[in-house]
Amino acid sequence: MSSCPLESLSRPIYLASQTMRNYAERILKPFDLTSEQFHLLKNTKHGHGLSPSILCELVEKRPA
C-alpha cells in the first residue's frame, strides 16, 4: 500500500503552524493580546471604516 506524498507533509506543516502560533502568542503576551486580536488590529490600523462583516472575513470568523 503506497501513501499519498501529501500525507507525509501534513504533520510537519501542522507542527510548523503550531510553532509559529506559539511564538506569536509569546511575543504578544506582554501586550495582553492574542494573535487573533493582533490580526484584527493590524487590519484596522488604516481606519478605512471596515464593516463588522468585512472584519469577520479578514479574521476568518463568523459574525456573532
N, C-alpha and C. Protein backbone atom coordinates (compact mmCIF):
# COMPACT_ATOMS: atom_id res chain seq x y z
N MET A 1 0.85 -1.18 0.00
CA MET A 1 0.00 0.00 0.00
C MET A 1 0.89 1.24 0.00
N SER A 2 0.71 2.11 -0.99
CA SER A 2 1.52 3.34 -1.04
C SER A 2 0.73 4.47 -0.40
N SER A 3 1.45 5.37 0.23
CA SER A 3 0.78 6.50 0.86
C SER A 3 0.90 7.74 -0.03
N CYS A 4 0.00 8.62 0.15
CA CYS A 4 -0.03 9.86 -0.60
C CYS A 4 1.15 10.74 -0.15
N PRO A 5 1.91 11.32 -1.07
CA PRO A 5 3.03 12.18 -0.68
C PRO A 5 2.59 13.37 0.18
N LEU A 6 1.37 13.83 -0.03
CA LEU A 6 0.89 14.97 0.75
C LEU A 6 0.66 14.60 2.20
N GLU A 7 0.34 13.35 2.49
CA GLU A 7 0.14 12.92 3.87
C GLU A 7 1.42 13.08 4.68
N SER A 8 2.56 12.86 4.05
CA SER A 8 3.81 12.98 4.77
C SER A 8 4.14 14.45 5.06
N LEU A 9 3.52 15.37 4.35
CA LEU A 9 3.73 16.80 4.59
C LEU A 9 2.80 17.37 5.64
N SER A 10 1.67 16.73 5.86
CA SER A 10 0.67 17.32 6.74
C SER A 10 1.17 17.50 8.17
N ARG A 11 1.85 16.52 8.71
CA ARG A 11 2.34 16.62 10.09
C ARG A 11 3.38 17.74 10.26
N PRO A 12 4.42 17.82 9.40
CA PRO A 12 5.38 18.92 9.54
C PRO A 12 4.74 20.30 9.36
N ILE A 13 3.78 20.40 8.45
CA ILE A 13 3.09 21.68 8.25
C ILE A 13 2.30 22.05 9.50
N TYR A 14 1.61 21.08 10.07
CA TYR A 14 0.86 21.33 11.30
C TYR A 14 1.79 21.75 12.43
N LEU A 15 2.91 21.06 12.60
CA LEU A 15 3.85 21.39 13.67
C LEU A 15 4.47 22.77 13.46
N ALA A 16 4.78 23.12 12.22
CA ALA A 16 5.33 24.44 11.93
C ALA A 16 4.29 25.52 12.26
N SER A 17 3.05 25.26 11.92
CA SER A 17 1.97 26.20 12.22
C SER A 17 1.82 26.41 13.72
N GLN A 18 1.85 25.32 14.47
CA GLN A 18 1.75 25.41 15.93
C GLN A 18 2.93 26.18 16.52
N THR A 19 4.12 25.94 16.01
CA THR A 19 5.31 26.64 16.48
C THR A 19 5.19 28.14 16.22
N MET A 20 4.74 28.50 15.03
CA MET A 20 4.57 29.91 14.70
C MET A 20 3.50 30.55 15.57
N ARG A 21 2.39 29.86 15.78
CA ARG A 21 1.32 30.40 16.62
C ARG A 21 1.80 30.59 18.06
N ASN A 22 2.52 29.61 18.59
CA ASN A 22 3.04 29.71 19.96
C ASN A 22 4.03 30.87 20.08
N TYR A 23 4.87 31.05 19.08
CA TYR A 23 5.83 32.15 19.09
C TYR A 23 5.09 33.49 19.09
N ALA A 24 4.10 33.63 18.23
CA ALA A 24 3.33 34.87 18.16
C ALA A 24 2.63 35.15 19.49
N GLU A 25 2.04 34.13 20.08
CA GLU A 25 1.35 34.31 21.37
C GLU A 25 2.35 34.76 22.44
N ARG A 26 3.53 34.20 22.44
CA ARG A 26 4.55 34.56 23.43
C ARG A 26 5.00 36.02 23.24
N ILE A 27 5.17 36.44 22.00
CA ILE A 27 5.59 37.82 21.71
C ILE A 27 4.49 38.81 22.09
N LEU A 28 3.24 38.45 21.87
CA LEU A 28 2.13 39.36 22.13
C LEU A 28 1.66 39.37 23.58
N LYS A 29 2.04 38.37 24.36
CA LYS A 29 1.57 38.25 25.74
C LYS A 29 1.83 39.51 26.58
N PRO A 30 3.02 40.13 26.52
CA PRO A 30 3.24 41.34 27.32
C PRO A 30 2.28 42.49 26.99
N PHE A 31 1.69 42.45 25.80
CA PHE A 31 0.74 43.47 25.38
C PHE A 31 -0.70 43.06 25.66
N ASP A 32 -0.87 41.90 26.29
CA ASP A 32 -2.20 41.36 26.61
C ASP A 32 -3.05 41.21 25.34
N LEU A 33 -2.41 40.72 24.27
CA LEU A 33 -3.09 40.49 23.00
C LEU A 33 -2.93 39.04 22.58
N THR A 34 -3.95 38.53 21.91
CA THR A 34 -3.84 37.23 21.27
C THR A 34 -3.47 37.47 19.80
N SER A 35 -3.07 36.44 19.12
CA SER A 35 -2.72 36.60 17.70
C SER A 35 -3.95 36.99 16.89
N GLU A 36 -5.13 36.51 17.28
CA GLU A 36 -6.35 36.90 16.58
C GLU A 36 -6.64 38.38 16.78
N GLN A 37 -6.46 38.88 18.00
CA GLN A 37 -6.68 40.30 18.27
C GLN A 37 -5.67 41.15 17.49
N PHE A 38 -4.42 40.70 17.45
CA PHE A 38 -3.40 41.43 16.70
C PHE A 38 -3.75 41.49 15.22
N HIS A 39 -4.20 40.37 14.68
CA HIS A 39 -4.58 40.32 13.27
C HIS A 39 -5.70 41.32 12.98
N LEU A 40 -6.67 41.38 13.87
CA LEU A 40 -7.78 42.32 13.71
C LEU A 40 -7.28 43.76 13.78
N LEU A 41 -6.44 44.07 14.77
CA LEU A 41 -5.89 45.42 14.88
C LEU A 41 -5.05 45.79 13.67
N LYS A 42 -4.28 44.84 13.18
CA LYS A 42 -3.43 45.09 12.01
C LYS A 42 -4.28 45.46 10.80
N ASN A 43 -5.43 44.81 10.67
CA ASN A 43 -6.29 45.06 9.52
C ASN A 43 -7.14 46.31 9.66
N THR A 44 -7.19 46.88 10.85
CA THR A 44 -7.98 48.10 11.05
C THR A 44 -7.11 49.33 11.26
N LYS A 45 -5.80 49.19 11.20
CA LYS A 45 -4.90 50.29 11.53
C LYS A 45 -5.03 51.49 10.61
N HIS A 46 -5.48 51.31 9.40
CA HIS A 46 -5.59 52.42 8.47
C HIS A 46 -6.93 53.14 8.58
N GLY A 47 -7.83 52.60 9.38
CA GLY A 47 -9.11 53.27 9.64
C GLY A 47 -9.95 53.50 8.41
N HIS A 48 -10.08 52.50 7.58
CA HIS A 48 -10.87 52.64 6.36
C HIS A 48 -12.36 52.43 6.59
N GLY A 49 -12.78 52.35 7.84
CA GLY A 49 -14.19 52.16 8.13
C GLY A 49 -14.72 50.81 7.69
N LEU A 50 -13.99 49.77 8.01
CA LEU A 50 -14.42 48.43 7.62
C LEU A 50 -15.64 48.01 8.42
N SER A 51 -16.57 47.37 7.75
CA SER A 51 -17.78 46.91 8.43
C SER A 51 -17.45 45.67 9.26
N PRO A 52 -18.30 45.39 10.26
CA PRO A 52 -18.08 44.18 11.06
C PRO A 52 -18.03 42.91 10.22
N SER A 53 -18.84 42.83 9.18
CA SER A 53 -18.84 41.62 8.35
C SER A 53 -17.52 41.47 7.59
N ILE A 54 -16.96 42.58 7.12
CA ILE A 54 -15.66 42.53 6.44
C ILE A 54 -14.57 42.15 7.44
N LEU A 55 -14.62 42.70 8.64
CA LEU A 55 -13.65 42.34 9.67
C LEU A 55 -13.71 40.85 9.99
N CYS A 56 -14.91 40.31 10.06
CA CYS A 56 -15.08 38.88 10.32
C CYS A 56 -14.45 38.06 9.21
N GLU A 57 -14.61 38.50 7.98
CA GLU A 57 -13.99 37.80 6.86
C GLU A 57 -12.47 37.84 6.97
N LEU A 58 -11.92 38.99 7.34
CA LEU A 58 -10.47 39.15 7.43
C LEU A 58 -9.86 38.23 8.48
N VAL A 59 -10.56 38.04 9.59
CA VAL A 59 -10.01 37.18 10.65
C VAL A 59 -10.62 35.79 10.61
N GLU A 60 -11.35 35.51 9.56
CA GLU A 60 -11.94 34.19 9.32
C GLU A 60 -12.80 33.71 10.48
N LYS A 61 -13.68 34.58 10.93
CA LYS A 61 -14.63 34.25 12.00
C LYS A 61 -16.04 34.56 11.52
N ARG A 62 -16.98 33.86 12.12
CA ARG A 62 -18.38 34.14 11.81
C ARG A 62 -18.85 35.30 12.69
N PRO A 63 -19.71 36.17 12.16
CA PRO A 63 -20.24 37.26 12.99
C PRO A 63 -21.04 36.67 14.15
N ALA A 64 -20.85 37.21 15.31
CA ALA A 64 -21.58 36.73 16.49
C ALA A 64 -22.62 37.73 16.91
